[in-house]
Protein backbone atom coordinates (compact mmCIF):
# COMPACT_ATOMS: atom_id res chain seq x y z
CA MET A 1 135.48 93.13 158.99
CA ALA A 2 132.88 94.13 156.41
CA PRO A 3 130.94 91.32 154.69
CA ARG A 4 132.12 90.62 151.14
CA VAL A 5 129.41 90.80 148.47
CA ALA A 6 129.91 89.82 144.82
CA ILE A 7 127.54 91.06 142.12
CA LEU A 8 127.62 88.58 139.25
CA ASP A 9 128.21 90.27 135.89
CA TYR A 10 126.94 87.85 133.26
CA GLY A 11 125.92 90.46 130.69
CA SER A 12 122.59 91.61 132.15
CA GLY A 13 121.41 93.68 135.05
CA ASN A 14 121.22 97.00 136.81
CA LEU A 15 124.86 96.69 137.69
CA ARG A 16 125.86 100.26 138.57
CA SER A 17 122.87 101.10 140.72
CA ALA A 18 123.02 97.71 142.46
CA THR A 19 126.71 98.23 143.20
CA ARG A 20 126.16 101.72 144.61
CA ALA A 21 123.26 100.56 146.76
CA LEU A 22 125.22 97.68 148.24
CA VAL A 23 128.30 99.81 148.88
CA ARG A 24 126.09 102.11 150.95
CA THR A 25 125.26 99.18 153.26
CA GLY A 26 128.89 99.10 154.36
CA ALA A 27 129.68 95.85 152.56
CA GLU A 28 132.87 95.26 150.60
CA VAL A 29 131.42 94.96 147.09
CA VAL A 30 132.94 93.60 143.89
CA LEU A 31 131.30 93.51 140.45
CA THR A 32 132.81 90.52 138.70
CA ARG A 33 132.61 87.99 135.89
CA ASP A 34 135.19 85.83 137.67
CA LEU A 35 133.33 82.81 139.10
CA ALA A 36 136.07 82.08 141.64
CA LYS A 37 135.85 85.62 143.04
CA ALA A 38 132.06 85.41 143.08
CA ASP A 39 132.16 82.07 144.87
CA ALA A 40 134.58 83.37 147.51
CA ALA A 41 132.23 86.16 148.58
CA ASP A 42 130.08 85.95 151.70
CA GLY A 43 127.02 86.89 149.66
CA LEU A 44 126.28 86.58 145.93
CA VAL A 45 123.86 88.95 144.20
CA VAL A 46 122.28 87.91 140.90
CA PRO A 47 120.85 90.92 139.05
CA GLY A 48 118.75 90.74 135.91
CA VAL A 49 116.65 92.87 133.60
CA GLY A 50 114.95 92.16 130.30
CA ALA A 51 113.87 88.75 129.00
CA PHE A 52 114.03 85.53 131.01
CA ALA A 53 115.53 83.59 128.07
CA ALA A 54 118.28 86.16 127.47
CA CYS A 55 119.27 86.18 131.14
CA MET A 56 119.37 82.39 131.26
CA ALA A 57 121.52 82.31 128.13
CA GLY A 58 124.01 84.68 129.74
CA LEU A 59 124.09 82.70 132.96
CA THR A 60 124.53 79.37 131.17
CA GLU A 61 127.28 80.68 128.91
CA SER A 62 129.18 82.15 131.84
CA GLY A 63 128.71 79.17 134.17
CA GLY A 64 126.80 81.34 136.60
CA ASP A 65 123.90 78.88 136.73
CA GLU A 66 126.11 76.12 138.16
CA LEU A 67 127.67 78.55 140.64
CA ILE A 68 124.23 79.48 141.94
CA ARG A 69 123.12 75.85 142.22
CA ARG A 70 126.29 74.98 144.12
CA ARG A 71 125.97 77.87 146.56
CA VAL A 72 122.33 77.01 147.28
CA ALA A 73 123.27 73.35 147.88
CA GLU A 74 126.02 74.49 150.26
CA HIS A 75 123.63 76.82 152.14
CA ARG A 76 125.64 79.90 151.12
CA PRO A 77 123.86 83.25 150.66
CA VAL A 78 122.43 84.18 147.27
CA LEU A 79 120.17 87.15 146.49
CA GLY A 80 118.30 87.35 143.18
CA ILE A 81 116.76 90.61 141.96
CA CYS A 82 114.00 91.07 139.34
CA VAL A 83 114.82 88.68 136.46
CA GLY A 84 117.74 87.48 138.59
CA PHE A 85 115.00 86.35 140.98
CA GLN A 86 112.84 84.84 138.24
CA VAL A 87 115.61 82.63 136.83
CA LEU A 88 115.86 80.84 140.19
CA PHE A 89 112.63 79.04 139.31
CA ALA A 90 112.09 75.94 137.18
CA ALA A 91 111.08 77.75 133.99
CA GLY A 92 109.90 80.97 132.40
CA ILE A 93 107.21 81.22 129.74
CA GLU A 94 107.36 84.35 127.58
CA HIS A 95 105.46 84.84 124.29
CA GLY A 96 104.63 81.13 124.23
CA GLN A 97 108.26 80.07 124.60
CA ARG A 98 109.28 77.95 127.59
CA THR A 99 112.84 78.36 128.86
CA ASP A 100 114.34 76.25 131.61
CA GLY A 101 115.49 78.22 134.64
CA ILE A 102 118.17 77.39 137.19
CA GLY A 103 115.59 75.31 139.03
CA VAL A 104 116.60 75.82 142.65
CA LEU A 105 112.95 76.74 143.29
CA THR A 106 109.85 75.04 141.93
CA GLY A 107 107.31 77.07 140.00
CA GLU A 108 107.04 78.80 136.63
CA VAL A 109 107.30 82.46 135.68
CA THR A 110 104.28 83.44 133.60
CA GLN A 111 102.55 86.63 132.48
CA LEU A 112 100.73 88.47 135.25
CA ALA A 113 96.94 88.23 135.23
CA ALA A 114 96.43 91.99 134.94
CA GLU A 115 94.75 94.25 132.39
CA ARG A 116 97.58 96.79 132.61
CA LEU A 117 101.11 95.63 131.89
CA PRO A 118 103.86 96.11 132.73
CA HIS A 119 103.38 96.42 136.47
CA MET A 120 105.46 99.55 136.86
CA GLY A 121 105.81 101.75 139.90
CA TRP A 122 105.51 101.58 143.67
CA ASN A 123 103.62 98.91 145.57
CA THR A 124 103.45 97.48 149.07
CA VAL A 125 104.46 93.93 150.01
CA ALA A 126 102.56 91.57 152.31
CA ALA A 127 105.44 89.92 154.13
CA GLY A 128 105.24 86.20 154.79
CA SER A 129 105.24 84.93 158.36
CA GLY A 130 108.77 84.82 159.73
CA SER A 131 110.25 87.11 157.07
CA ARG A 132 113.60 88.68 157.92
CA LEU A 133 113.74 90.90 154.83
CA PHE A 134 110.74 93.07 155.62
CA ASP A 135 110.12 95.31 158.60
CA ASP A 136 107.32 97.80 157.89
CA PRO A 137 104.13 96.67 156.06
CA GLU A 138 103.51 100.24 154.91
CA GLU A 139 106.78 100.50 152.99
CA ARG A 140 106.58 100.64 149.20
CA TYR A 141 109.01 99.10 146.70
CA TYR A 142 109.66 99.74 143.02
CA PHE A 143 108.48 97.15 140.49
CA VAL A 144 109.01 96.96 136.71
CA HIS A 145 107.83 93.64 135.21
CA SER A 146 105.13 91.86 133.26
CA TYR A 147 105.84 88.33 134.47
CA GLY A 148 105.84 86.73 137.88
CA VAL A 149 105.31 83.60 139.96
CA SER A 150 102.05 82.61 141.64
CA GLY A 151 101.07 79.48 143.50
CA PRO A 152 103.09 77.28 145.85
CA VAL A 153 106.90 77.30 145.80
CA THR A 154 109.36 74.81 147.30
CA ASN A 155 113.15 74.72 147.60
CA ALA A 156 114.10 72.04 145.08
CA VAL A 157 117.70 71.75 146.30
CA THR A 158 117.76 71.78 150.09
CA GLY A 159 114.10 71.17 150.92
CA GLU A 160 114.17 74.06 153.41
CA PRO A 161 110.91 75.90 154.10
CA VAL A 162 110.08 78.80 151.79
CA ILE A 163 108.73 82.10 153.12
CA LEU A 164 106.73 83.79 150.38
CA SER A 165 105.88 87.50 150.45
CA HIS A 166 103.21 88.76 148.05
CA THR A 167 102.12 91.80 146.09
CA ARG A 168 98.91 92.23 144.11
CA HIS A 169 98.59 93.51 140.55
CA GLY A 170 95.62 91.91 138.84
CA GLY A 171 96.22 88.90 141.11
CA ASP A 172 98.68 87.90 143.80
CA PHE A 173 102.25 87.10 142.83
CA ALA A 174 105.49 86.40 144.68
CA ALA A 175 107.20 89.69 145.54
CA ALA A 176 109.99 87.93 147.44
CA ILE A 177 111.15 84.57 148.74
CA GLU A 178 113.33 83.51 151.64
CA SER A 179 114.50 79.93 152.07
CA GLY A 180 117.54 79.32 154.24
CA ALA A 181 120.46 81.07 152.54
CA LEU A 182 118.47 81.74 149.37
CA SER A 183 116.51 84.95 148.91
CA GLY A 184 115.06 86.95 146.05
CA THR A 185 112.96 89.98 145.26
CA GLN A 186 110.79 90.64 142.22
CA PHE A 187 111.11 94.38 142.85
CA HIS A 188 114.30 96.43 142.63
CA PRO A 189 115.58 97.21 146.15
CA GLU A 190 118.34 99.34 144.65
CA LYS A 191 115.66 101.61 143.13
CA SER A 192 113.33 101.55 146.13
CA ALA A 193 114.71 104.54 148.05
CA ASP A 194 114.92 104.20 151.85
CA ALA A 195 112.81 101.03 152.00
CA GLY A 196 115.05 99.23 149.54
CA ALA A 197 118.20 100.46 151.27
CA ALA A 198 116.92 99.15 154.60
CA LEU A 199 116.11 95.76 153.06
CA LEU A 200 119.61 95.47 151.60
CA ARG A 201 121.13 96.40 154.95
CA ARG A 202 119.10 93.65 156.61
CA TRP A 203 120.34 91.14 154.05
CA VAL A 204 123.97 92.20 154.38
CA SER A 205 123.78 92.18 158.18
CA GLY A 206 122.63 88.55 157.99
CA LEU A 207 125.58 87.33 155.92
CA GLY A 208 127.36 84.67 157.90
CA VAL A 209 124.32 84.14 160.12
CA SER A 210 122.90 80.63 159.68
CA GLY A 211 119.58 80.60 157.85
CA LEU A 212 119.57 84.13 156.42
CA ALA A 213 120.28 85.22 152.89
CA VAL A 214 118.70 87.17 150.04
CA SER A 215 118.28 86.33 146.32
CA GLY A 216 117.13 88.72 143.53
CA LEU A 217 118.57 92.22 142.09
CA GLY A 218 117.84 93.27 138.73
């Protein structure tokens, strides 16, 4: 039986391309605003593009923020992508405005310390020790963002260890996290050609396996 994956439609995100990419993994995929359907899935994908504050407003209005917190507390797989990854953290600071995030991870999303923004295009990822998302250190993934997370990160809900993978643009920032059933990517796996497709297959293949999940599509 194919794993069931729900992509949460809360008014933001790369919904069509994320859906197509996940269907190609062999998963049974549903794009839904229905929280009960999303909660019943083996894996939940949280996409996101645009501004942190706008994404958080959509999640709060739809109740998606509470769904994500509950799934993380219950050790059930969540994958965040791009801004859907960023909103997992405690807060985002854009143009001097601080917006509370979902807060399942500690840390703040701030502007990258780089002369050229946005960070747009292909870049490699230095996988953290023990990563299950990454396989080949030479693979390149597609990034489009001006904000990111640097510094230490902890799982504020379950206390499980966090595996951080990094990319450099101006300075180091978190390209991905893995913590128990919670995962996320700052880059867009659904736009990252064969490397992104392989990463999504690895995530889907881990659904239902204790300790593996992905958070972040955008």
